[in-house]
Amino acid sequence: MSLLDVYLQKNGKKRYDVFKQTGLSQQMLAAVNKKNVSSYSVKTIQAIAETVAKSEGTVLDEILQLEKKTAYFEVYNTEDLLLAFTNKESHILIKEDYKKEIEELAKTQLSETETLGLELGSSGTIYILGEIFYQLALKLSNKNTDQKKLENDIRKYKLKKLNEKEYLLYYKHLDY
């Protein structure tokens, strides 16, 4: 989970904002993004605090609280979703109007029961053949690169409706 990205998102900021406002390198922020809060340096906490206009103690307390609970990466548009896929977020919360687009993408997937029936009936070879055909169709399609990436990456997730305004995407592997 990319805790830094989730925290910054909840405060209406991105790593680029921290870099631009404080000069802390983007490479440093990318590295910190993959670590536990306990390994954040004082310089990093200070830069985050300056960017979100809070005290260092408040920032540290909030990030620690976020680390304790399951933090969902909130998505409002395609750019956010691509960032979540790039960060390999385990839980992605689809918000408001963007959920309609996700519903359309999810309609292209077989249900778990349908997939299991096909795989068992073909001794697993249908999965290999299906993947070959899918990748070939994806290469030959005239969709833009972002759309292709979305369609490819969303196949790794399950979609769960939380309420009328939100969907949760979570890694399929977390069910096993």
Protein backbone atom coordinates (compact mmCIF):
# COMPACT_ATOMS: atom_id res chain seq x y z
CA MET A 1 0.00 0.00 0.00
CA SER A 2 1.29 3.45 -0.83
CA LEU A 3 0.48 5.17 2.42
CA LEU A 4 2.03 8.48 1.44
CA ASP A 5 -0.11 8.76 -1.69
CA VAL A 6 -3.27 7.91 0.25
CA TYR A 7 -2.44 10.48 2.94
CA LEU A 8 -1.64 13.18 0.43
CA GLN A 9 -4.79 12.39 -1.53
CA LYS A 10 -6.92 12.78 1.61
CA ASN A 11 -5.37 16.23 1.98
CA GLY A 12 -5.92 17.20 -1.68
CA LYS A 13 -2.25 16.93 -2.63
CA LYS A 14 0.09 14.72 -4.66
CA ARG A 15 3.76 13.81 -4.40
CA TYR A 16 4.47 16.37 -7.11
CA ASP A 17 3.05 19.10 -4.83
CA VAL A 18 5.50 18.09 -2.08
CA PHE A 19 8.37 18.20 -4.56
CA LYS A 20 7.32 21.55 -6.00
CA GLN A 21 6.71 23.21 -2.64
CA THR A 22 9.64 21.83 -0.65
CA GLY A 23 12.20 20.62 -3.19
CA LEU A 24 12.28 17.10 -1.74
CA SER A 25 13.18 14.91 -4.71
CA GLN A 26 10.54 12.82 -6.41
CA GLN A 27 12.84 9.80 -6.20
CA MET A 28 13.00 10.19 -2.42
CA LEU A 29 9.22 10.47 -2.22
CA ALA A 30 8.76 7.40 -4.43
CA ALA A 31 11.08 5.42 -2.17
CA VAL A 32 9.33 6.64 1.00
CA ASN A 33 5.97 5.76 -0.53
CA LYS A 34 6.85 2.05 -0.30
CA LYS A 35 8.03 2.13 3.33
CA ASN A 36 6.42 1.92 6.74
CA VAL A 37 5.83 5.16 8.60
CA SER A 38 8.47 4.21 11.18
CA SER A 39 11.15 4.58 8.51
CA TYR A 40 10.09 8.07 7.35
CA SER A 41 12.83 10.61 7.98
CA VAL A 42 12.26 13.85 9.88
CA LYS A 43 13.01 15.75 6.67
CA THR A 44 10.24 13.84 4.87
CA ILE A 45 7.68 14.47 7.63
CA GLN A 46 8.62 18.17 7.62
CA ALA A 47 8.17 18.39 3.86
CA ILE A 48 4.77 16.68 4.02
CA ALA A 49 3.70 18.94 6.89
CA GLU A 50 4.72 22.06 4.97
CA THR A 51 2.79 20.90 1.91
CA VAL A 52 -0.45 20.07 3.73
CA ALA A 53 -0.09 23.09 6.06
CA LYS A 54 -0.17 21.08 9.29
CA SER A 55 2.28 20.56 12.12
CA GLU A 56 4.79 17.72 11.92
CA GLY A 57 3.20 16.03 14.94
CA THR A 58 -0.27 16.18 13.41
CA VAL A 59 1.01 14.75 10.12
CA LEU A 60 2.81 11.92 11.89
CA ASP A 61 -0.25 11.13 14.04
CA GLU A 62 -2.55 11.10 11.00
CA ILE A 63 -0.24 8.90 8.94
CA LEU A 64 0.14 6.47 11.85
CA GLN A 65 -3.66 6.33 12.22
CA LEU A 66 -3.97 5.69 8.51
CA GLU A 67 -1.38 2.93 8.70
CA LYS A 68 -3.36 1.15 11.45
CA LYS A 69 -6.56 0.91 9.45
CA THR A 70 -7.10 -0.38 5.94
CA ALA A 71 -6.60 2.72 3.86
CA TYR A 72 -8.42 2.75 0.57
CA PHE A 73 -6.96 4.66 -2.34
CA GLU A 74 -9.84 6.88 -3.48
CA VAL A 75 -10.39 7.26 -7.22
CA TYR A 76 -12.43 10.00 -8.91
CA ASN A 77 -11.09 9.77 -12.48
CA THR A 78 -8.93 7.76 -14.89
CA GLU A 79 -5.72 9.49 -13.81
CA ASP A 80 -6.29 8.46 -10.18
CA LEU A 81 -7.08 4.88 -11.21
CA LEU A 82 -3.95 4.60 -13.33
CA LEU A 83 -1.90 5.87 -10.37
CA ALA A 84 -3.53 3.25 -8.12
CA PHE A 85 -2.71 0.51 -10.63
CA THR A 86 0.88 1.76 -10.97
CA ASN A 87 1.25 1.71 -7.16
CA LYS A 88 -0.33 -1.77 -7.06
CA GLU A 89 -2.87 -0.66 -4.48
CA SER A 90 -4.63 -3.61 -2.86
CA HIS A 91 -7.87 -1.72 -2.19
CA ILE A 92 -9.21 1.00 -4.49
CA LEU A 93 -12.36 2.94 -3.66
CA ILE A 94 -14.22 4.14 -6.76
CA LYS A 95 -16.15 7.30 -5.96
CA GLU A 96 -19.25 9.03 -7.35
CA ASP A 97 -19.50 9.67 -11.11
CA TYR A 98 -16.48 7.57 -12.07
CA LYS A 99 -18.21 4.39 -10.91
CA LYS A 100 -20.28 4.33 -14.13
CA GLU A 101 -17.12 3.96 -16.22
CA ILE A 102 -15.88 1.17 -13.97
CA GLU A 103 -19.20 -0.64 -14.31
CA GLU A 104 -18.70 -0.66 -18.08
CA LEU A 105 -15.18 -2.04 -17.76
CA ALA A 106 -16.32 -4.69 -15.28
CA LYS A 107 -19.08 -5.92 -17.61
CA THR A 108 -16.43 -7.37 -19.92
CA GLN A 109 -15.30 -9.84 -17.24
CA LEU A 110 -16.76 -13.28 -16.62
CA SER A 111 -18.13 -13.99 -13.17
CA GLU A 112 -16.10 -16.14 -10.81
CA THR A 113 -18.52 -19.07 -11.31
CA GLU A 114 -18.32 -18.81 -15.11
CA THR A 115 -14.53 -18.63 -15.03
CA LEU A 116 -14.25 -21.61 -12.69
CA GLY A 117 -16.60 -23.69 -14.86
CA LEU A 118 -14.61 -22.94 -18.00
CA GLU A 119 -11.27 -23.65 -16.37
CA LEU A 120 -12.41 -26.93 -14.83
CA GLY A 121 -14.11 -28.07 -18.03
CA SER A 122 -11.00 -27.45 -20.10
CA SER A 123 -8.43 -28.60 -17.53
CA GLY A 124 -7.08 -25.04 -17.36
CA THR A 125 -6.15 -24.69 -21.03
CA ILE A 126 -8.98 -22.22 -21.65
CA TYR A 127 -7.23 -19.74 -19.36
CA ILE A 128 -4.05 -19.86 -21.45
CA LEU A 129 -5.92 -19.64 -24.75
CA GLY A 130 -8.17 -16.89 -23.43
CA GLU A 131 -5.18 -14.85 -22.30
CA ILE A 132 -3.52 -15.22 -25.71
CA PHE A 133 -6.67 -14.07 -27.51
CA TYR A 134 -7.20 -11.23 -25.05
CA GLN A 135 -3.65 -9.91 -25.45
CA LEU A 136 -3.90 -10.19 -29.25
CA ALA A 137 -7.22 -8.31 -29.29
CA LEU A 138 -5.76 -5.67 -27.00
CA LYS A 139 -2.76 -5.14 -29.29
CA LEU A 140 -4.96 -4.85 -32.38
CA SER A 141 -7.55 -2.54 -30.81
CA ASN A 142 -7.52 1.15 -31.65
CA LYS A 143 -8.00 2.26 -28.03
CA ASN A 144 -5.55 4.70 -26.48
CA THR A 145 -2.76 3.44 -24.23
CA ASP A 146 -4.47 4.50 -20.99
CA GLN A 147 -7.67 2.66 -21.91
CA LYS A 148 -5.71 -0.49 -22.77
CA LYS A 149 -3.86 -0.30 -19.45
CA LEU A 150 -7.13 0.16 -17.56
CA GLU A 151 -8.75 -2.84 -19.23
CA ASN A 152 -5.69 -5.00 -18.64
CA ASP A 153 -5.12 -4.01 -15.01
CA ILE A 154 -8.76 -4.14 -13.91
CA ARG A 155 -8.75 -7.87 -14.68
CA LYS A 156 -6.54 -8.36 -11.61
CA TYR A 157 -9.24 -6.96 -9.33
CA LYS A 158 -12.69 -7.91 -8.07
CA LEU A 159 -15.45 -5.32 -7.98
CA LYS A 160 -17.68 -5.05 -4.93
CA LYS A 161 -20.55 -2.57 -4.59
CA LEU A 162 -20.35 -0.87 -1.19
CA ASN A 163 -23.30 1.49 -1.64
CA GLU A 164 -25.01 3.57 -4.35
CA LYS A 165 -22.06 5.96 -4.65
CA GLU A 166 -19.04 3.71 -4.12
CA TYR A 167 -17.44 0.55 -5.44
CA LEU A 168 -14.43 -1.23 -4.02
CA LEU A 169 -11.83 -2.82 -6.29
CA TYR A 170 -9.59 -5.29 -4.49
CA TYR A 171 -6.94 -7.74 -5.65
CA LYS A 172 -8.40 -11.11 -6.57
CA HIS A 173 -5.48 -12.78 -4.81
CA LEU A 174 -6.62 -11.40 -1.46
CA ASP A 175 -9.55 -13.82 -1.50
CA TYR A 176 -7.38 -16.90 -1.38
